């Protein structure tokens, strides 16, 4: 039974790591969720609200009055992108991540040994099995209420706009990098993260002295506080991931999944006594789980350091450095699982069990899988987590990804190219007016790529879809690529381009806010990535799309826009 349980633990461990990565790969958004899209008429435009295209581009370029005509207070036109389905998927991903995290928290040394004691307490206190089951159900519901309330508190304190602003902030990502490193060190046994003992003792005293529902609730609160040294890092990681998505309910949904998984074993043990007897005994394996989670925390922390590096344009945390550190981390975890590394709280390991051997094999295999990435291989599993390929200094087959010869007339230098780089093998503009002017010159439609430094799906599209031969050919030869970063705060806009955005409720004083205002106003979307295939009037040729990871479908999408453009040009 113990071996069977440990095999299930192995699957849960891998699922939690993959789910954490998947959470980072859901649709990325910049905050406008709590804002109202209102129709802006030309009369509303003051001198300060000068459109950038009007100031630098020809008269038929971007007209702010025309742009906002597509946005209505209740709905947007059928040419705009609806990301409601992606948001629902995002919340489900967050819930599943919380659920898996809760199950992992349950088998931590601070919680797992408490199950028999808690169930025994309920049985003796209630006097009968039926009452004991009822109290256990209330206990489980209390756990859920406590953690969901904590998630809602995060939502109330920051709000959707605040969470989105944090997710795109270099400071936010750097602080969370430090936080996850501290969590990892705690899991390794250097110290324990605990709440003030006076506060914990006070709650524990209320649990002992209170009767009825109040006593059960304080027992659940006492569990949450006493086990914080084990659950705190998991909760922190979950909230970091949920907050980085910027969705209003994500922290509460994540906490609901976490609490549900944590409460279920206590409740099931009270209802089905056989469930309790079938669980393995506590032992040194509990600390091994804790240490392995520490390795995962350390690896995940590097993702946030990479985001800070990209947001602040440090340009030192390259893809090679990221991969080397991940390889070392997973090699060390494999060595630990084989018993060659021992931490302070570890028990003696007389032999290597079969589950530990499987863990070690998976850890070493994953480390070897990442090695080709040091020479420019895609490493698709880490797409969106690792820094983009254009940060890599050495690519073994770099010559094969050179820009198409058809773009020989492309400018040698474009605006903002000192800070922004296109995907490897592509040429792109980063200024809307400059790109549109070039498109008119060469007679091609434009591909507006609304993207972001911290946008995970943007990197996944570039790494997994744009590398396809046909997709790459269409983008390079048939379109003019204009990448509009919606989260860049370092590039400041000139005074003549700054205007007050009624959607963002602030001035568009940097490149990110200007691009985000244009995206939300013109196309009724705040999600990245958003791909718009447009003519010279910037009206969509076909319906704008978000991330499409099916290569053939995305190629067909590009071809459909090209066909529409050619048809429109022939009828002129």
Protein backbone atom coordinates (compact mmCIF):
# COMPACT_ATOMS: atom_id res chain seq x y z
CA UNK A 1 0.00 0.00 0.00
CA UNK A 2 2.84 2.36 0.83
CA UNK A 3 4.46 1.75 -2.56
CA UNK A 4 1.15 2.37 -4.32
CA UNK A 5 0.72 5.60 -2.41
CA UNK A 6 4.23 6.74 -3.27
CA UNK A 7 3.62 6.04 -6.95
CA UNK A 8 0.52 8.24 -6.76
CA UNK A 9 2.70 10.82 -5.05
CA UNK A 10 5.11 10.66 -7.99
CA UNK A 11 2.31 11.39 -10.44
CA UNK A 12 1.00 14.23 -8.26
CA UNK A 13 4.48 15.71 -8.01
CA UNK A 14 4.87 15.81 -11.77
CA UNK A 15 1.32 17.08 -12.22
CA UNK A 16 1.92 19.96 -9.80
CA UNK A 17 5.08 21.03 -11.58
CA UNK A 18 3.43 20.82 -15.00
CA UNK A 19 0.27 22.54 -13.77
CA UNK A 20 2.33 25.35 -12.33
CA UNK A 21 3.96 25.74 -15.72
CA UNK A 22 0.59 25.52 -17.45
CA UNK A 23 -0.73 28.33 -15.29
CA UNK A 24 1.98 30.49 -16.69
CA UNK A 25 0.98 29.51 -20.19
CA UNK A 26 -2.64 30.61 -20.13
CA UNK A 27 -3.92 33.73 -21.82
CA UNK A 28 -2.03 36.80 -20.65
CA UNK A 29 -3.90 40.03 -20.09
CA UNK A 30 -3.23 43.62 -19.17
CA UNK A 31 -5.83 45.16 -16.93
CA UNK A 32 -8.99 46.71 -18.27
CA UNK A 33 -11.37 44.22 -16.65
CA UNK A 34 -12.77 46.71 -14.16
CA UNK A 35 -13.05 49.47 -16.72
CA UNK A 36 -15.97 50.33 -18.97
CA UNK A 37 -15.52 50.58 -22.71
CA UNK A 38 -17.25 53.80 -23.69
CA UNK A 39 -17.91 55.26 -27.08
CA UNK A 40 -15.64 58.23 -27.70
CA UNK A 41 -16.79 60.76 -30.22
CA UNK A 42 -14.55 63.19 -32.06
CA UNK A 43 -15.98 65.96 -29.89
CA UNK A 44 -14.52 64.25 -26.83
CA UNK A 45 -11.03 64.53 -28.17
CA UNK A 46 -9.13 67.44 -26.73
CA UNK A 47 -5.80 68.84 -27.84
CA UNK A 48 -4.02 66.54 -25.43
CA UNK A 49 -5.58 63.49 -27.03
CA UNK A 50 -3.64 63.65 -30.25
CA UNK A 51 -3.37 60.36 -32.04
CA UNK A 52 0.15 59.24 -32.71
CA UNK A 53 -0.53 58.37 -36.27
CA UNK A 54 -1.98 61.80 -36.91
CA UNK A 55 1.17 63.43 -35.63
CA UNK A 56 3.66 61.41 -37.63
CA UNK A 57 1.90 59.39 -40.31
CA UNK A 58 -0.02 60.37 -43.44
CA UNK A 59 -3.66 61.40 -43.13
CA UNK A 60 -4.96 57.93 -43.94
CA UNK A 61 -2.97 56.36 -41.12
CA UNK A 62 -4.39 55.70 -37.66
CA UNK A 63 -7.26 58.07 -36.87
CA UNK A 64 -8.21 58.04 -33.24
CA UNK A 65 -11.80 58.99 -33.95
CA UNK A 66 -12.11 56.14 -36.42
CA UNK A 67 -10.38 53.72 -34.13
CA UNK A 68 -12.81 54.13 -31.30
CA UNK A 69 -15.89 53.71 -33.47
CA UNK A 70 -15.54 49.94 -33.12
CA UNK A 71 -15.83 50.05 -29.34
CA UNK A 72 -19.24 50.34 -27.69
CA UNK A 73 -20.23 50.44 -24.07
CA UNK A 74 -22.14 47.18 -24.15
CA UNK A 75 -20.36 45.20 -26.83
CA UNK A 76 -17.76 45.30 -29.53
CA UNK A 77 -18.21 44.47 -33.18
CA UNK A 78 -17.90 40.95 -34.51
CA UNK A 79 -14.47 41.84 -35.86
CA UNK A 80 -13.04 42.15 -32.37
CA UNK A 81 -11.52 39.40 -30.30
CA UNK A 82 -13.54 37.82 -27.49
CA UNK A 83 -11.30 36.32 -24.81
CA UNK A 84 -14.04 35.17 -22.40
CA UNK A 85 -13.43 31.51 -23.23
CA UNK A 86 -9.71 31.91 -22.58
CA UNK A 87 -10.42 33.56 -19.22
CA UNK A 88 -12.67 30.64 -18.20
CA UNK A 89 -9.95 28.22 -19.21
CA UNK A 90 -7.49 30.26 -17.18
CA UNK A 91 -9.61 29.97 -14.05
CA UNK A 92 -9.93 26.21 -14.52
CA UNK A 93 -6.15 25.96 -14.84
CA UNK A 94 -5.78 27.97 -11.65
CA UNK A 95 -8.27 25.74 -9.82
CA UNK A 96 -6.48 22.56 -10.91
CA UNK A 97 -3.13 23.99 -9.86
CA UNK A 98 -4.60 24.82 -6.46
CA UNK A 99 -6.09 21.33 -6.19
CA UNK A 100 -2.78 19.61 -6.90
CA UNK A 101 -0.95 22.02 -4.61
CA UNK A 102 -3.41 21.20 -1.83
CA UNK A 103 -2.84 17.46 -2.18
CA UNK A 104 0.91 18.03 -2.04
CA UNK A 105 0.50 20.22 1.04
CA UNK A 106 -1.48 17.43 2.70
CA UNK A 107 1.49 15.04 2.54
CA UNK A 108 3.86 17.58 4.05
CA UNK A 109 5.35 16.80 7.51
CA UNK A 110 3.26 19.53 9.19
CA UNK A 111 -0.14 18.16 8.14
CA UNK A 112 -0.02 14.45 7.29
CA UNK A 113 0.70 13.19 10.84
CA UNK A 114 -2.19 15.30 12.20
CA UNK A 115 -4.93 13.39 10.37
CA UNK A 116 -5.32 10.45 12.80
CA UNK A 117 -5.20 12.77 15.82
CA UNK A 118 -7.82 15.11 14.36
CA UNK A 119 -10.22 12.33 13.39
CA UNK A 120 -9.79 10.65 16.78
CA UNK A 121 -10.54 13.96 18.49
CA UNK A 122 -13.78 14.42 16.54
CA UNK A 123 -14.92 10.87 17.29
CA UNK A 124 -14.33 11.20 21.04
CA UNK A 125 -15.74 14.72 21.24
CA UNK A 126 -18.92 13.92 19.34
CA UNK A 127 -19.70 10.74 21.26
CA UNK A 128 -21.01 8.94 18.18
CA UNK A 129 -19.78 8.24 14.67
CA UNK A 130 -22.66 10.17 13.06
CA UNK A 131 -21.92 13.34 15.01
CA UNK A 132 -18.22 12.86 14.38
CA UNK A 133 -18.85 12.78 10.62
CA UNK A 134 -20.94 15.94 10.88
CA UNK A 135 -18.22 17.76 12.78
CA UNK A 136 -15.59 16.58 10.30
CA UNK A 137 -17.70 17.99 7.45
CA UNK A 138 -17.94 21.32 9.24
CA UNK A 139 -14.19 21.17 9.85
CA UNK A 140 -13.56 20.64 6.14
CA UNK A 141 -15.90 23.48 5.18
CA UNK A 142 -14.15 25.74 7.69
CA UNK A 143 -10.80 25.02 6.04
CA UNK A 144 -12.27 25.97 2.67
CA UNK A 145 -13.83 29.18 4.03
CA UNK A 146 -10.55 30.27 5.65
CA UNK A 147 -8.40 29.81 2.56
CA UNK A 148 -10.97 31.21 0.10
CA UNK A 149 -11.36 34.26 2.34
CA UNK A 150 -7.59 34.71 2.15
CA UNK A 151 -7.74 34.55 -1.65
CA UNK A 152 -10.59 37.07 -1.72
CA UNK A 153 -8.57 39.36 0.54
CA UNK A 154 -5.78 39.39 -2.05
CA UNK A 155 -8.35 40.26 -4.71
CA UNK A 156 -9.87 43.08 -2.65
CA UNK A 157 -6.49 44.55 -1.77
CA UNK A 158 -5.15 44.63 -5.31
CA UNK A 159 -8.11 44.28 -7.67
CA UNK A 160 -7.86 43.09 -11.25
CA UNK A 161 -6.09 46.23 -12.41
CA UNK A 162 -3.58 46.00 -9.59
CA UNK A 163 -2.88 42.32 -10.24
CA UNK A 164 -2.31 43.00 -13.92
CA UNK A 165 -0.06 45.95 -13.21
CA UNK A 166 1.94 43.79 -10.82
CA UNK A 167 2.27 40.94 -13.31
CA UNK A 168 3.90 43.27 -15.85
CA UNK A 169 6.10 45.02 -13.29
CA UNK A 170 9.80 44.31 -13.18
CA UNK A 171 9.86 45.05 -9.46
CA UNK A 172 6.98 42.63 -8.80
CA UNK A 173 8.73 39.84 -10.69
CA UNK A 174 12.06 40.48 -8.97
CA UNK A 175 10.49 40.50 -5.49
CA UNK A 176 8.66 37.27 -6.23
CA UNK A 177 11.93 35.77 -7.42
CA UNK A 178 13.43 36.58 -4.02
CA UNK A 179 10.30 35.29 -2.25
CA UNK A 180 10.39 31.92 -4.02
CA UNK A 181 14.11 31.56 -3.30
CA UNK A 182 13.35 32.12 0.39
CA UNK A 183 10.58 29.50 0.19
CA UNK A 184 13.00 27.04 -1.42
CA UNK A 185 15.64 27.60 1.27
CA UNK A 186 12.95 27.03 3.89
CA UNK A 187 11.96 23.73 2.28
CA UNK A 188 15.62 22.68 2.28
CA UNK A 189 15.53 22.96 6.08
CA UNK A 190 17.62 26.08 6.69
CA UNK A 191 14.78 27.65 8.69
CA UNK A 192 11.03 27.47 9.08
CA UNK A 193 8.61 30.19 8.08
CA UNK A 194 6.22 30.50 11.00
CA UNK A 195 3.64 32.96 12.20
CA UNK A 196 4.04 34.74 15.57
CA UNK A 197 3.63 32.16 18.35
CA UNK A 198 1.42 34.47 20.42
CA UNK A 199 -1.09 34.70 17.58
CA UNK A 200 -1.03 30.94 16.97
CA UNK A 201 -1.44 30.19 20.68
CA UNK A 202 -4.37 32.58 20.93
CA UNK A 203 -6.23 30.85 18.10
CA UNK A 204 -5.36 27.44 19.54
CA UNK A 205 -6.70 28.50 22.93
CA UNK A 206 -9.98 29.60 21.38
CA UNK A 207 -10.26 26.23 19.64
CA UNK A 208 -9.87 24.46 23.01
CA UNK A 209 -12.27 26.69 24.93
CA UNK A 210 -14.97 27.24 22.31
CA UNK A 211 -17.81 24.82 21.81
CA UNK A 212 -20.07 24.07 18.88
CA UNK A 213 -19.40 25.48 15.44
CA UNK A 214 -17.07 28.17 16.76
CA UNK A 215 -14.75 25.61 18.30
CA UNK A 216 -14.57 23.60 15.08
CA UNK A 217 -13.88 26.74 13.04
CA UNK A 218 -11.02 27.75 15.34
CA UNK A 219 -9.63 24.22 15.08
CA UNK A 220 -9.49 24.66 11.31
CA UNK A 221 -7.86 28.07 11.76
CA UNK A 222 -5.35 26.51 14.13
CA UNK A 223 -4.46 23.89 11.50
CA UNK A 224 -3.91 26.62 8.90
CA UNK A 225 -1.63 28.56 11.25
CA UNK A 226 0.34 25.66 12.73
CA UNK A 227 1.01 24.14 9.30
CA UNK A 228 2.05 27.47 7.77
CA UNK A 229 5.73 26.52 7.76
CA UNK A 230 4.88 23.79 5.23
CA UNK A 231 1.90 25.24 3.40
CA UNK A 232 3.12 28.85 3.30
CA UNK A 233 5.59 28.37 0.43
CA UNK A 234 3.05 26.36 -1.58
CA UNK A 235 0.34 28.96 -0.99
CA UNK A 236 2.79 31.74 -1.81
CA UNK A 237 3.79 30.09 -5.08
CA UNK A 238 0.15 29.48 -6.01
CA UNK A 239 -0.81 33.09 -5.28
CA UNK A 240 2.21 34.38 -7.19
CA UNK A 241 1.18 32.38 -10.25
CA UNK A 242 -2.50 33.31 -9.89
CA UNK A 243 -1.70 36.99 -9.38
CA UNK A 244 0.61 37.04 -12.38
CA UNK A 245 -2.38 36.13 -14.57
CA UNK A 246 -4.10 39.35 -13.52
CA UNK A 247 -7.61 37.88 -13.36
CA UNK A 248 -9.92 39.16 -10.66
CA UNK A 249 -11.04 35.82 -9.19
CA UNK A 250 -7.84 33.85 -9.80
CA UNK A 251 -6.46 34.07 -6.21
CA UNK A 252 -9.80 33.00 -4.70
CA UNK A 253 -10.26 30.18 -7.23
CA UNK A 254 -6.72 28.95 -6.58
CA UNK A 255 -7.29 29.00 -2.82
CA UNK A 256 -10.60 27.14 -3.25
CA UNK A 257 -8.84 24.33 -5.10
CA UNK A 258 -6.06 24.26 -2.51
CA UNK A 259 -8.46 24.17 0.46
CA UNK A 260 -10.71 21.56 -1.15
CA UNK A 261 -7.78 19.19 -1.62
CA UNK A 262 -6.59 19.86 1.93
CA UNK A 263 -10.03 19.33 3.50
CA UNK A 264 -11.06 16.20 1.58
CA UNK A 265 -8.69 13.73 3.33
CA UNK A 266 -9.85 14.86 6.79
CA UNK A 267 -13.50 14.54 5.82
CA UNK A 268 -13.10 11.21 4.00
CA UNK A 269 -11.15 9.76 6.92
CA UNK A 270 -14.08 10.52 9.22
CA UNK A 271 -16.70 9.12 6.84
CA UNK A 272 -14.71 6.06 5.73
CA UNK A 273 -12.48 4.70 8.53
CA UNK A 274 -10.81 2.34 6.07
CA UNK A 275 -9.40 5.34 4.20
CA UNK A 276 -7.41 6.35 7.27
CA UNK A 277 -5.98 2.88 7.83
CA UNK A 278 -4.94 2.59 4.18
CA UNK A 279 -2.72 5.67 4.29
CA UNK A 280 1.03 5.07 4.73
CA UNK A 281 2.70 5.79 8.02
CA UNK A 282 4.56 9.02 8.59
CA UNK A 283 8.29 8.87 8.07
CA UNK A 284 11.34 10.36 6.43
CA UNK A 285 9.68 10.28 3.02
CA UNK A 286 7.58 13.29 4.05
CA UNK A 287 10.67 15.46 4.34
CA UNK A 288 11.92 14.15 0.98
CA UNK A 289 8.72 15.47 -0.61
CA UNK A 290 9.35 18.82 1.06
CA UNK A 291 12.94 19.02 -0.24
CA UNK A 292 11.90 18.08 -3.79
CA UNK A 293 9.32 20.85 -3.73
CA UNK A 294 12.16 23.14 -2.66
CA UNK A 295 14.05 22.28 -5.85
CA UNK A 296 10.92 23.04 -7.89
CA UNK A 297 10.43 26.35 -6.07
CA UNK A 298 14.01 27.30 -6.90
CA UNK A 299 13.56 26.44 -10.57
CA UNK A 300 10.28 28.35 -10.81
CA UNK A 301 11.86 31.40 -9.15
CA UNK A 302 14.16 31.79 -12.16
CA UNK A 303 11.15 32.37 -14.39
CA UNK A 304 10.32 35.53 -12.44
CA UNK A 305 13.95 36.66 -12.54
CA UNK A 306 13.82 36.28 -16.31
CA UNK A 307 10.63 38.38 -16.47
CA UNK A 308 12.29 41.12 -14.42
CA UNK A 309 15.32 41.03 -16.71
CA UNK A 310 13.11 41.44 -19.78
CA UNK A 311 10.93 44.16 -18.25
CA UNK A 312 13.93 46.23 -17.12
CA UNK A 313 16.02 45.52 -20.24
CA UNK A 314 18.96 44.26 -18.17
CA UNK A 315 19.93 41.86 -20.97
CA UNK A 316 22.21 39.72 -18.79
CA UNK A 317 19.96 36.81 -17.76
CA UNK A 318 20.20 35.09 -21.13
CA UNK A 319 18.56 31.85 -22.15
CA UNK A 320 21.82 29.92 -21.71
CA UNK A 321 22.17 31.05 -18.08
CA UNK A 322 18.57 30.06 -17.37
CA UNK A 323 19.01 26.60 -18.91
CA UNK A 324 22.33 25.96 -17.15
CA UNK A 325 20.74 26.75 -13.79
CA UNK A 326 17.74 24.51 -14.51
CA UNK A 327 20.02 21.66 -15.59
CA UNK A 328 22.05 21.97 -12.39
CA UNK A 329 18.90 22.12 -10.22
CA UNK A 330 17.39 18.96 -11.69
CA UNK A 331 20.70 17.08 -11.61
CA UNK A 332 21.04 17.96 -7.92
CA UNK A 333 17.48 16.80 -7.29
CA UNK A 334 18.27 13.48 -8.95
CA UNK A 335 21.40 13.09 -6.83
CA UNK A 336 19.37 13.91 -3.71
CA UNK A 337 16.75 11.31 -4.56
CA UNK A 338 19.50 8.69 -4.84
CA UNK A 339 20.55 9.58 -1.29
CA UNK A 340 23.88 11.18 -2.19
CA UNK A 341 22.88 14.55 -0.72
CA UNK A 342 21.43 14.80 2.78
CA UNK A 343 19.80 17.84 4.38
CA UNK A 344 19.48 18.59 8.08
CA UNK A 345 16.00 17.09 8.57
CA UNK A 346 16.51 14.01 6.38
CA UNK A 347 16.45 10.52 7.84
CA UNK A 348 19.09 7.93 7.02
CA UNK A 349 18.43 6.21 3.69
CA UNK A 350 19.52 2.55 3.92
CA UNK A 351 18.41 1.81 0.35
CA UNK A 352 16.80 3.52 -2.65
CA UNK A 353 13.13 2.62 -3.03
CA UNK A 354 11.54 2.10 -6.43
CA UNK A 355 9.54 5.38 -6.33
CA UNK A 356 12.69 7.36 -5.46
CA UNK A 357 14.50 5.66 -8.34
CA UNK A 358 11.74 6.71 -10.74
CA UNK A 359 11.92 10.26 -9.42
CA UNK A 360 15.68 10.28 -9.97
CA UNK A 361 15.38 8.90 -13.50
CA UNK A 362 12.82 11.56 -14.42
CA UNK A 363 14.93 14.31 -12.90
CA UNK A 364 18.13 13.25 -14.70
CA UNK A 365 16.24 12.71 -17.96
CA UNK A 366 14.73 16.18 -17.85
CA UNK A 367 18.15 17.68 -17.17
CA UNK A 368 19.61 15.89 -20.21
CA UNK A 369 16.62 16.95 -22.31
CA UNK A 370 17.51 20.61 -21.68
CA UNK A 371 21.17 20.28 -22.73
CA UNK A 372 20.56 20.80 -26.50
CA UNK A 373 18.88 24.09 -25.61
CA UNK A 374 22.32 25.46 -24.75
CA UNK A 375 23.10 25.27 -28.48
CA UNK A 376 19.82 26.77 -29.68
CA UNK A 377 17.44 23.79 -29.65
CA UNK A 378 13.83 24.84 -28.90
CA UNK A 379 13.26 22.88 -25.61
CA UNK A 380 9.53 23.20 -26.23
CA UNK A 381 8.54 22.11 -22.71
CA UNK A 382 10.07 25.33 -21.37
CA UNK A 383 8.62 27.53 -24.09
CA UNK A 384 7.26 30.65 -22.43
CA UNK A 385 9.13 29.97 -19.19
CA UNK A 386 12.69 30.27 -20.42
CA UNK A 387 13.88 33.62 -21.79
CA UNK A 388 13.09 34.07 -25.50
CA UNK A 389 15.44 32.69 -28.12
CA UNK A 390 16.57 36.19 -29.14
CA UNK A 391 18.42 36.46 -25.81
CA UNK A 392 20.61 33.48 -26.67
CA UNK A 393 24.18 34.38 -27.63
CA UNK A 394 24.97 31.17 -29.51
CA UNK A 395 22.64 29.25 -31.83
CA UNK A 396 24.24 26.30 -33.59
CA UNK A 397 21.99 26.48 -36.67
CA UNK A 398 21.53 30.24 -36.53
CA UNK A 399 22.07 30.64 -40.25
CA UNK A 400 18.91 28.68 -41.01
CA UNK A 401 16.77 31.24 -39.22
CA UNK A 402 18.00 34.25 -41.15
CA UNK A 403 15.41 36.74 -42.39
CA UNK A 404 13.92 36.18 -45.81
CA UNK A 405 15.69 37.63 -48.81
CA UNK A 406 12.44 39.30 -49.84
CA UNK A 407 12.94 41.79 -47.00
CA UNK A 408 16.19 43.14 -48.42
CA UNK A 409 14.79 46.68 -48.37
CA UNK A 410 14.01 46.54 -44.66
CA UNK A 411 15.49 49.50 -42.75
CA UNK A 412 18.85 48.84 -41.13
CA UNK A 413 17.58 50.40 -37.91
CA UNK A 414 14.02 50.87 -36.68
CA UNK A 415 12.61 52.81 -33.75
CA UNK A 416 13.13 51.26 -30.31
CA UNK A 417 15.39 48.52 -31.72
CA UNK A 418 18.00 49.40 -29.10
CA UNK A 419 15.63 48.02 -26.43
CA UNK A 420 13.30 45.66 -28.27
CA UNK A 421 14.29 42.66 -30.36
CA UNK A 422 12.18 40.63 -32.81
CA UNK A 423 12.01 36.82 -32.63
CA UNK A 424 15.03 35.07 -34.09
CA UNK A 425 14.85 35.00 -37.88
CA UNK A 426 12.21 37.73 -38.18
CA UNK A 427 12.28 41.45 -38.85
CA UNK A 428 9.78 43.67 -37.10
CA UNK A 429 8.83 47.26 -36.45
CA UNK A 430 8.03 48.38 -32.91
CA UNK A 431 6.40 51.68 -33.83
CA UNK A 432 2.95 51.60 -35.43
CA UNK A 433 3.41 54.58 -37.73
CA UNK A 434 6.82 53.52 -38.97
CA UNK A 435 5.63 49.99 -39.72
CA UNK A 436 2.49 51.19 -41.48
CA UNK A 437 4.45 53.58 -43.67
CA UNK A 438 6.78 50.76 -44.70
CA UNK A 439 3.82 48.46 -45.45
CA UNK A 440 2.39 51.04 -47.85
CA UNK A 441 5.77 51.38 -49.49
CA UNK A 442 6.14 47.64 -50.17
CA UNK A 443 2.42 46.99 -50.79
CA UNK A 444 1.87 44.39 -48.06
CA UNK A 445 -0.72 43.98 -45.30
CA UNK A 446 0.39 44.32 -41.70
CA UNK A 447 0.47 41.74 -38.94
CA UNK A 448 -0.10 43.59 -35.68
CA UNK A 449 1.33 41.48 -32.89
CA UNK A 450 0.15 42.82 -29.52
CA UNK A 451 2.67 41.24 -27.21
CA UNK A 452 4.46 41.73 -23.89
CA UNK A 453 7.74 41.01 -22.13
CA UNK A 454 6.01 38.85 -19.51
CA UNK A 455 3.50 37.30 -21.92
CA UNK A 456 4.03 33.54 -21.76
CA UNK A 457 1.76 32.61 -24.66
CA UNK A 458 3.48 35.19 -26.87
CA UNK A 459 6.79 33.37 -26.40
CA UNK A 460 5.14 29.98 -26.91
CA UNK A 461 3.65 31.13 -30.21
CA UNK A 462 7.04 32.37 -31.38
CA UNK A 463 8.85 29.23 -30.23
CA UNK A 464 6.33 26.60 -31.31
CA UNK A 465 4.30 28.06 -34.19
CA UNK A 466 6.27 30.81 -35.89
CA UNK A 467 9.23 28.45 -36.36
CA UNK A 468 7.13 26.38 -38.77
CA UNK A 469 8.41 26.75 -42.33
CA UNK A 470 5.08 27.79 -43.88
CA UNK A 471 4.07 30.10 -41.04
CA UNK A 472 7.50 31.71 -41.08
CA UNK A 473 7.34 32.19 -44.85
CA UNK A 474 3.94 33.88 -44.68
CA UNK A 475 5.00 36.28 -41.94
CA UNK A 476 8.37 37.13 -43.49
CA UNK A 477 7.37 37.36 -47.15
CA UNK A 478 3.69 38.33 -47.20
CA UNK A 479 3.25 40.60 -44.18
CA UNK A 480 4.93 43.50 -42.45
CA UNK A 481 5.32 42.47 -38.82
CA UNK A 482 4.63 45.20 -36.25
CA UNK A 483 5.16 44.11 -32.65
CA UNK A 484 3.35 46.35 -30.17
CA UNK A 485 4.49 45.76 -26.59
CA UNK A 486 1.64 46.42 -24.15
CA UNK A 487 3.73 46.17 -20.98
CA UNK A 488 6.88 48.17 -21.75
CA UNK A 489 7.30 50.90 -19.15
CA UNK A 490 10.86 51.98 -20.00
CA UNK A 491 10.29 53.57 -23.41
CA UNK A 492 8.66 56.98 -22.90
CA UNK A 493 6.41 58.55 -25.50
CA UNK A 494 7.13 62.02 -26.93
CA UNK A 495 4.87 64.80 -25.67
CA UNK A 496 2.92 65.07 -28.93
CA UNK A 497 1.84 61.42 -28.65
CA UNK A 498 0.69 61.50 -25.05
CA UNK A 499 -3.06 61.66 -24.52
CA UNK A 500 -5.44 60.77 -21.72
CA UNK A 501 -6.96 57.34 -22.23
CA UNK A 502 -10.60 57.10 -21.19
CA UNK A 503 -10.29 53.32 -21.13
CA UNK A 504 -7.11 53.11 -19.06
CA UNK A 505 -8.04 56.24 -17.08
CA UNK A 506 -4.50 57.55 -17.29
CA UNK A 507 -2.09 59.25 -19.68
CA UNK A 508 -0.41 57.12 -22.31
CA UNK A 509 3.03 58.35 -21.31
CA UNK A 510 4.97 55.21 -22.17
CA UNK A 511 5.01 52.81 -25.10
CA UNK A 512 3.17 50.06 -23.24
CA UNK A 513 0.22 52.21 -22.19
CA UNK A 514 -0.03 53.78 -25.66
CA UNK A 515 -0.12 50.38 -27.35
CA UNK A 516 -2.56 48.98 -24.79
CA UNK A 517 -4.90 51.93 -25.22
CA UNK A 518 -4.78 51.53 -28.99
CA UNK A 519 -5.48 47.78 -28.72
CA UNK A 520 -8.39 48.17 -26.31
CA UNK A 521 -9.88 51.13 -28.18
CA UNK A 522 -9.51 49.87 -31.72
CA UNK A 523 -10.01 46.14 -31.27
CA UNK A 524 -11.91 45.85 -27.97
CA UNK A 525 -9.40 43.48 -26.39
CA UNK A 526 -6.85 43.66 -23.61
CA UNK A 527 -5.38 40.17 -24.08
CA UNK A 528 -1.92 39.29 -25.26
CA UNK A 529 -1.09 37.84 -27.63
CA UNK A 530 -3.55 39.35 -30.07
CA UNK A 531 -2.87 39.01 -33.79
CA UNK A 532 -4.56 41.45 -36.14
CA UNK A 533 -4.22 41.08 -39.91
CA UNK A 534 -5.00 44.52 -41.28
CA UNK A 535 -4.84 46.74 -44.31
CA UNK A 536 -3.56 50.30 -44.40
CA UNK A 537 -6.64 51.59 -42.55
CA UNK A 538 -5.79 49.14 -39.73
CA UNK A 539 -9.26 47.61 -39.89
CA UNK A 540 -9.11 43.82 -39.48
CA UNK A 541 -9.12 41.84 -42.72
CA UNK A 542 -10.36 38.83 -40.75
CA UNK A 543 -11.35 38.42 -37.11
CA UNK A 544 -8.39 39.04 -34.77
CA UNK A 545 -7.14 35.96 -32.97
CA UNK A 546 -5.28 35.12 -29.79
CA UNK A 547 -2.84 32.25 -29.37
CA UNK A 548 -3.39 29.45 -31.91
CA UNK A 549 -1.02 26.57 -31.17
CA UNK A 550 -2.19 24.48 -34.12
CA UNK A 551 0.36 25.26 -36.84
CA UNK A 552 -1.94 24.46 -39.76
CA UNK A 553 -4.78 26.50 -38.30
CA UNK A 554 -2.53 29.51 -37.74
CA UNK A 555 -1.09 29.24 -41.26
CA UNK A 556 -4.64 29.10 -42.65
CA UNK A 557 -5.48 32.19 -40.60
CA UNK A 558 -2.54 34.09 -42.10
CA UNK A 559 -3.47 32.93 -45.60
CA UNK A 560 -7.11 34.01 -45.16
CA UNK A 561 -6.03 37.53 -44.25
CA UNK A 562 -3.66 37.66 -47.20
CA UNK A 563 -6.41 36.54 -49.58
CA UNK A 564 -8.76 39.21 -48.25
CA UNK A 565 -6.08 41.86 -48.69
CA UNK A 566 -5.33 40.86 -52.29
CA UNK A 567 -9.03 40.80 -53.16
CA UNK A 568 -9.53 44.26 -51.69
CA UNK A 569 -6.53 45.65 -53.56
CA UNK A 570 -7.75 44.22 -56.87
CA UNK A 571 -11.16 45.86 -56.51
CA UNK A 572 -9.69 49.34 -56.03
